[in-house]
Amino acid sequence: MPAHAMNERSEADKPESPWGKLAVRVTLLAVTVGAVVAGAAAVSGAGSCAPSAGTVSGGAADVVCYHLVRTLAERVGIATAVVTAILALTVVGLSRLAAQQDVYAASDRPR
């Protein structure tokens, strides 16, 4: 077996960086929360676009209203996803900072 073949690792053997795992987890969390919020906003807002019972036309719902509700729901979902990512990264950063301070405090103690 050649020497270079022994030194090379396959892609499955390489450890994934902790920053990559964090980025993937925060992204999945943000997208999930944003999608749920956008869906809930679209469903709850779409009810106001239905024709009221007292109208003469009694016809179809307002298309412009649905479009407006959908657009606003998308914007709320995106904003929520961004805020979720910022808050998740803040919590991770603060927890790492606290853990690092505990390590420093333990190393400063006399033995």
N, C-alpha and C. Protein backbone atom coordinates (compact mmCIF):
# COMPACT_ATOMS: atom_id res chain seq x y z
N MET A 1 0.86 -1.17 0.00
CA MET A 1 0.00 0.00 0.00
C MET A 1 0.91 1.23 0.00
N PRO A 2 0.65 2.19 -0.88
CA PRO A 2 1.47 3.40 -0.93
C PRO A 2 1.32 4.21 0.35
N ALA A 3 2.35 4.99 0.66
CA ALA A 3 2.36 5.78 1.88
C ALA A 3 1.28 6.87 1.86
N HIS A 4 1.05 7.47 0.69
CA HIS A 4 0.04 8.52 0.62
C HIS A 4 -1.36 8.00 0.81
N ALA A 5 -1.59 6.74 0.48
CA ALA A 5 -2.92 6.16 0.67
C ALA A 5 -3.22 5.93 2.15
N MET A 6 -2.18 5.68 2.93
CA MET A 6 -2.39 5.45 4.36
C MET A 6 -2.65 6.76 5.10
N ASN A 7 -2.09 7.86 4.59
CA ASN A 7 -2.26 9.15 5.26
C ASN A 7 -3.58 9.82 4.93
N GLU A 8 -4.17 9.47 3.82
CA GLU A 8 -5.42 10.11 3.41
C GLU A 8 -6.60 9.45 4.10
N ARG A 9 -7.53 10.27 4.50
CA ARG A 9 -8.75 9.77 5.11
C ARG A 9 -9.89 9.94 4.12
N SER A 10 -10.86 9.06 4.23
CA SER A 10 -12.04 9.24 3.41
C SER A 10 -12.88 10.37 4.00
N GLU A 11 -13.83 10.87 3.26
CA GLU A 11 -14.68 11.96 3.74
C GLU A 11 -15.48 11.55 4.97
N ALA A 12 -15.84 10.28 5.07
CA ALA A 12 -16.62 9.81 6.22
C ALA A 12 -15.78 9.76 7.49
N ASP A 13 -14.45 9.58 7.35
CA ASP A 13 -13.58 9.47 8.51
C ASP A 13 -13.19 10.82 9.09
N LYS A 14 -13.30 11.90 8.31
CA LYS A 14 -12.88 13.21 8.78
C LYS A 14 -13.88 13.74 9.79
N PRO A 15 -13.37 14.21 10.92
CA PRO A 15 -14.30 14.78 11.89
C PRO A 15 -14.83 16.12 11.40
N GLU A 16 -16.09 16.34 11.64
CA GLU A 16 -16.72 17.59 11.22
C GLU A 16 -16.40 18.67 12.26
N SER A 17 -16.17 19.87 11.80
CA SER A 17 -15.81 20.94 12.72
C SER A 17 -17.01 21.32 13.58
N PRO A 18 -16.75 21.75 14.82
CA PRO A 18 -17.87 22.15 15.68
C PRO A 18 -18.58 23.38 15.15
N TRP A 19 -17.85 24.26 14.43
CA TRP A 19 -18.47 25.45 13.86
C TRP A 19 -19.45 25.06 12.76
N GLY A 20 -19.13 24.03 11.99
CA GLY A 20 -20.04 23.57 10.93
C GLY A 20 -21.31 22.98 11.51
N LYS A 21 -21.14 22.19 12.57
CA LYS A 21 -22.32 21.61 13.23
C LYS A 21 -23.21 22.70 13.81
N LEU A 22 -22.57 23.69 14.44
CA LEU A 22 -23.34 24.80 15.01
C LEU A 22 -24.08 25.56 13.93
N ALA A 23 -23.41 25.82 12.82
CA ALA A 23 -24.05 26.55 11.72
C ALA A 23 -25.25 25.79 11.16
N VAL A 24 -25.10 24.49 11.01
CA VAL A 24 -26.19 23.68 10.48
C VAL A 24 -27.37 23.65 11.46
N ARG A 25 -27.07 23.49 12.73
CA ARG A 25 -28.15 23.42 13.73
C ARG A 25 -28.89 24.74 13.86
N VAL A 26 -28.14 25.84 13.89
CA VAL A 26 -28.79 27.15 14.00
C VAL A 26 -29.61 27.44 12.76
N THR A 27 -29.09 27.09 11.59
CA THR A 27 -29.84 27.30 10.35
C THR A 27 -31.12 26.49 10.33
N LEU A 28 -31.03 25.22 10.71
CA LEU A 28 -32.24 24.38 10.74
C LEU A 28 -33.26 24.92 11.75
N LEU A 29 -32.79 25.35 12.90
CA LEU A 29 -33.70 25.91 13.90
C LEU A 29 -34.37 27.17 13.38
N ALA A 30 -33.59 28.06 12.78
CA ALA A 30 -34.14 29.32 12.28
C ALA A 30 -35.14 29.08 11.15
N VAL A 31 -34.81 28.18 10.23
CA VAL A 31 -35.72 27.90 9.11
C VAL A 31 -37.01 27.26 9.61
N THR A 32 -36.89 26.34 10.55
CA THR A 32 -38.08 25.68 11.09
C THR A 32 -39.00 26.67 11.81
N VAL A 33 -38.41 27.47 12.69
CA VAL A 33 -39.22 28.44 13.43
C VAL A 33 -39.83 29.46 12.47
N GLY A 34 -39.05 29.93 11.50
CA GLY A 34 -39.56 30.90 10.53
C GLY A 34 -40.70 30.33 9.70
N ALA A 35 -40.57 29.06 9.29
CA ALA A 35 -41.63 28.43 8.49
C ALA A 35 -42.91 28.24 9.30
N VAL A 36 -42.76 27.85 10.56
CA VAL A 36 -43.95 27.66 11.41
C VAL A 36 -44.65 28.99 11.64
N VAL A 37 -43.88 30.03 11.91
CA VAL A 37 -44.47 31.34 12.15
C VAL A 37 -45.13 31.88 10.88
N ALA A 38 -44.47 31.70 9.74
CA ALA A 38 -45.05 32.16 8.47
C ALA A 38 -46.35 31.42 8.17
N GLY A 39 -46.35 30.12 8.39
CA GLY A 39 -47.57 29.35 8.17
C GLY A 39 -48.70 29.75 9.09
N ALA A 40 -48.37 29.94 10.36
CA ALA A 40 -49.40 30.35 11.32
C ALA A 40 -49.93 31.74 10.99
N ALA A 41 -49.04 32.64 10.58
CA ALA A 41 -49.47 34.00 10.22
C ALA A 41 -50.36 33.98 8.98
N ALA A 42 -50.01 33.14 8.01
CA ALA A 42 -50.80 33.06 6.79
C ALA A 42 -52.19 32.49 7.07
N VAL A 43 -52.24 31.45 7.89
CA VAL A 43 -53.53 30.83 8.20
C VAL A 43 -54.41 31.76 9.03
N SER A 44 -53.81 32.40 10.02
CA SER A 44 -54.63 33.27 10.87
C SER A 44 -55.06 34.54 10.15
N GLY A 45 -54.24 35.04 9.25
CA GLY A 45 -54.60 36.26 8.52
C GLY A 45 -55.54 36.02 7.36
N ALA A 46 -55.53 34.81 6.81
CA ALA A 46 -56.37 34.52 5.66
C ALA A 46 -57.85 34.51 6.00
N GLY A 47 -58.18 34.28 7.24
CA GLY A 47 -59.58 34.28 7.65
C GLY A 47 -60.23 35.64 7.50
N SER A 48 -59.45 36.68 7.62
CA SER A 48 -60.01 38.02 7.48
C SER A 48 -60.26 38.39 6.03
N CYS A 49 -59.77 37.59 5.09
CA CYS A 49 -59.97 37.86 3.67
C CYS A 49 -61.26 37.24 3.13
N ALA A 50 -61.88 36.39 3.91
CA ALA A 50 -63.12 35.74 3.46
C ALA A 50 -64.25 36.77 3.45
N PRO A 51 -65.18 36.61 2.53
CA PRO A 51 -66.30 37.56 2.49
C PRO A 51 -67.16 37.42 3.74
N SER A 52 -67.61 38.53 4.23
CA SER A 52 -68.44 38.49 5.44
C SER A 52 -69.84 38.00 5.09
N ALA A 53 -70.57 37.53 6.06
CA ALA A 53 -71.89 36.93 5.84
C ALA A 53 -72.91 37.97 5.41
N GLY A 54 -72.71 39.23 5.73
CA GLY A 54 -73.69 40.26 5.43
C GLY A 54 -73.53 40.89 4.05
N THR A 55 -72.52 40.47 3.28
CA THR A 55 -72.32 41.10 1.97
C THR A 55 -73.33 40.58 0.96
N VAL A 56 -73.62 41.42 -0.03
CA VAL A 56 -74.59 41.06 -1.07
C VAL A 56 -73.99 40.05 -2.03
N SER A 57 -72.71 40.24 -2.37
CA SER A 57 -72.11 39.39 -3.39
C SER A 57 -71.98 37.96 -2.90
N GLY A 58 -71.51 37.77 -1.69
CA GLY A 58 -71.37 36.41 -1.17
C GLY A 58 -70.44 35.58 -2.03
N GLY A 59 -69.67 36.23 -2.88
CA GLY A 59 -68.81 35.52 -3.82
C GLY A 59 -67.49 35.12 -3.21
N ALA A 60 -66.52 35.04 -4.08
CA ALA A 60 -65.19 34.57 -3.69
C ALA A 60 -64.49 35.60 -2.79
N ALA A 61 -63.51 35.13 -2.14
CA ALA A 61 -62.73 35.99 -1.25
C ALA A 61 -61.87 36.93 -2.07
N ASP A 62 -61.39 37.96 -1.43
CA ASP A 62 -60.59 38.98 -2.08
C ASP A 62 -59.19 38.44 -2.37
N VAL A 63 -58.80 38.40 -3.64
CA VAL A 63 -57.51 37.88 -4.05
C VAL A 63 -56.38 38.80 -3.58
N VAL A 64 -56.62 40.09 -3.65
CA VAL A 64 -55.61 41.05 -3.22
C VAL A 64 -55.33 40.88 -1.73
N CYS A 65 -56.36 40.63 -0.96
CA CYS A 65 -56.20 40.43 0.48
C CYS A 65 -55.34 39.19 0.75
N TYR A 66 -55.62 38.09 0.03
CA TYR A 66 -54.82 36.88 0.21
C TYR A 66 -53.36 37.13 -0.14
N HIS A 67 -53.12 37.85 -1.23
CA HIS A 67 -51.75 38.14 -1.64
C HIS A 67 -51.04 38.98 -0.57
N LEU A 68 -51.74 39.97 -0.04
CA LEU A 68 -51.16 40.81 1.00
C LEU A 68 -50.85 40.01 2.26
N VAL A 69 -51.77 39.16 2.66
CA VAL A 69 -51.57 38.33 3.85
C VAL A 69 -50.39 37.39 3.64
N ARG A 70 -50.30 36.78 2.47
CA ARG A 70 -49.20 35.86 2.19
C ARG A 70 -47.86 36.59 2.21
N THR A 71 -47.81 37.77 1.60
CA THR A 71 -46.57 38.55 1.57
C THR A 71 -46.14 38.96 2.98
N LEU A 72 -47.10 39.43 3.77
CA LEU A 72 -46.77 39.83 5.14
C LEU A 72 -46.37 38.62 5.99
N ALA A 73 -47.00 37.48 5.76
CA ALA A 73 -46.65 36.27 6.51
C ALA A 73 -45.23 35.82 6.17
N GLU A 74 -44.84 35.94 4.90
CA GLU A 74 -43.47 35.60 4.51
C GLU A 74 -42.47 36.53 5.19
N ARG A 75 -42.79 37.80 5.24
CA ARG A 75 -41.88 38.75 5.87
C ARG A 75 -41.76 38.51 7.37
N VAL A 76 -42.87 38.19 8.01
CA VAL A 76 -42.83 37.88 9.44
C VAL A 76 -42.02 36.61 9.67
N GLY A 77 -42.17 35.62 8.81
CA GLY A 77 -41.40 34.37 8.94
C GLY A 77 -39.91 34.61 8.77
N ILE A 78 -39.52 35.43 7.80
CA ILE A 78 -38.10 35.74 7.59
C ILE A 78 -37.54 36.50 8.78
N ALA A 79 -38.29 37.49 9.24
CA ALA A 79 -37.82 38.27 10.40
C ALA A 79 -37.68 37.38 11.63
N THR A 80 -38.62 36.48 11.83
CA THR A 80 -38.55 35.58 12.98
C THR A 80 -37.37 34.63 12.85
N ALA A 81 -37.09 34.15 11.65
CA ALA A 81 -35.94 33.27 11.43
C ALA A 81 -34.64 33.99 11.76
N VAL A 82 -34.51 35.24 11.34
CA VAL A 82 -33.30 36.01 11.62
C VAL A 82 -33.13 36.23 13.12
N VAL A 83 -34.21 36.61 13.78
CA VAL A 83 -34.15 36.85 15.22
C VAL A 83 -33.85 35.56 15.96
N THR A 84 -34.42 34.45 15.51
CA THR A 84 -34.14 33.15 16.14
C THR A 84 -32.67 32.80 16.02
N ALA A 85 -32.08 33.01 14.85
CA ALA A 85 -30.66 32.72 14.66
C ALA A 85 -29.80 33.60 15.57
N ILE A 86 -30.13 34.87 15.66
CA ILE A 86 -29.36 35.78 16.51
C ILE A 86 -29.46 35.36 17.97
N LEU A 87 -30.67 35.04 18.43
CA LEU A 87 -30.84 34.63 19.82
C LEU A 87 -30.15 33.30 20.11
N ALA A 88 -30.22 32.35 19.18
CA ALA A 88 -29.56 31.06 19.39
C ALA A 88 -28.05 31.23 19.47
N LEU A 89 -27.49 32.05 18.59
CA LEU A 89 -26.05 32.29 18.63
C LEU A 89 -25.64 33.04 19.89
N THR A 90 -26.49 33.94 20.36
CA THR A 90 -26.20 34.65 21.61
C THR A 90 -26.18 33.70 22.80
N VAL A 91 -27.15 32.80 22.87
CA VAL A 91 -27.21 31.83 23.96
C VAL A 91 -26.00 30.90 23.91
N VAL A 92 -25.63 30.44 22.72
CA VAL A 92 -24.46 29.57 22.59
C VAL A 92 -23.20 30.31 23.01
N GLY A 93 -23.06 31.54 22.57
CA GLY A 93 -21.89 32.33 22.94
C GLY A 93 -21.80 32.58 24.43
N LEU A 94 -22.92 32.91 25.05
CA LEU A 94 -22.92 33.14 26.50
C LEU A 94 -22.63 31.87 27.28
N SER A 95 -23.14 30.74 26.81
CA SER A 95 -22.87 29.48 27.53
C SER A 95 -21.40 29.09 27.40
N ARG A 96 -20.81 29.33 26.22
CA ARG A 96 -19.38 29.04 26.06
C ARG A 96 -18.54 29.99 26.89
N LEU A 97 -18.95 31.24 26.97
CA LEU A 97 -18.23 32.21 27.79
C LEU A 97 -18.29 31.83 29.26
N ALA A 98 -19.44 31.40 29.73
CA ALA A 98 -19.59 30.98 31.12
C ALA A 98 -18.75 29.74 31.40
N ALA A 99 -18.73 28.80 30.46
CA ALA A 99 -17.93 27.59 30.65
C ALA A 99 -16.44 27.94 30.66
N GLN A 100 -16.03 28.87 29.83
CA GLN A 100 -14.63 29.28 29.78
C GLN A 100 -14.23 30.00 31.08
N GLN A 101 -15.13 30.81 31.61
CA GLN A 101 -14.83 31.49 32.87
C GLN A 101 -14.71 30.50 34.02
N ASP A 102 -15.53 29.44 33.99
CA ASP A 102 -15.42 28.41 35.01
C ASP A 102 -14.06 27.72 34.94
N VAL A 103 -13.57 27.47 33.74
CA VAL A 103 -12.26 26.84 33.57
C VAL A 103 -11.16 27.76 34.09
N TYR A 104 -11.25 29.04 33.76
CA TYR A 104 -10.26 30.01 34.25
C TYR A 104 -10.32 30.14 35.77
N ALA A 105 -11.50 30.15 36.32
CA ALA A 105 -11.65 30.28 37.77
C ALA A 105 -11.07 29.04 38.46
N ALA A 106 -11.26 27.87 37.87
CA ALA A 106 -10.74 26.65 38.47
C ALA A 106 -9.21 26.62 38.38
N SER A 107 -8.64 27.18 37.32
CA SER A 107 -7.18 27.15 37.17
C SER A 107 -6.52 28.20 38.06
N ASP A 108 -7.24 29.22 38.49
CA ASP A 108 -6.67 30.27 39.34
C ASP A 108 -6.65 29.87 40.82
N ARG A 109 -7.39 28.85 41.18
CA ARG A 109 -7.45 28.43 42.58
C ARG A 109 -6.10 27.82 43.00
N PRO A 110 -5.68 28.15 44.20
CA PRO A 110 -4.44 27.50 44.68
C PRO A 110 -4.70 26.04 45.00
N ARG A 111 -3.68 25.27 44.80
CA ARG A 111 -3.84 23.82 45.03
C ARG A 111 -3.17 23.39 46.27
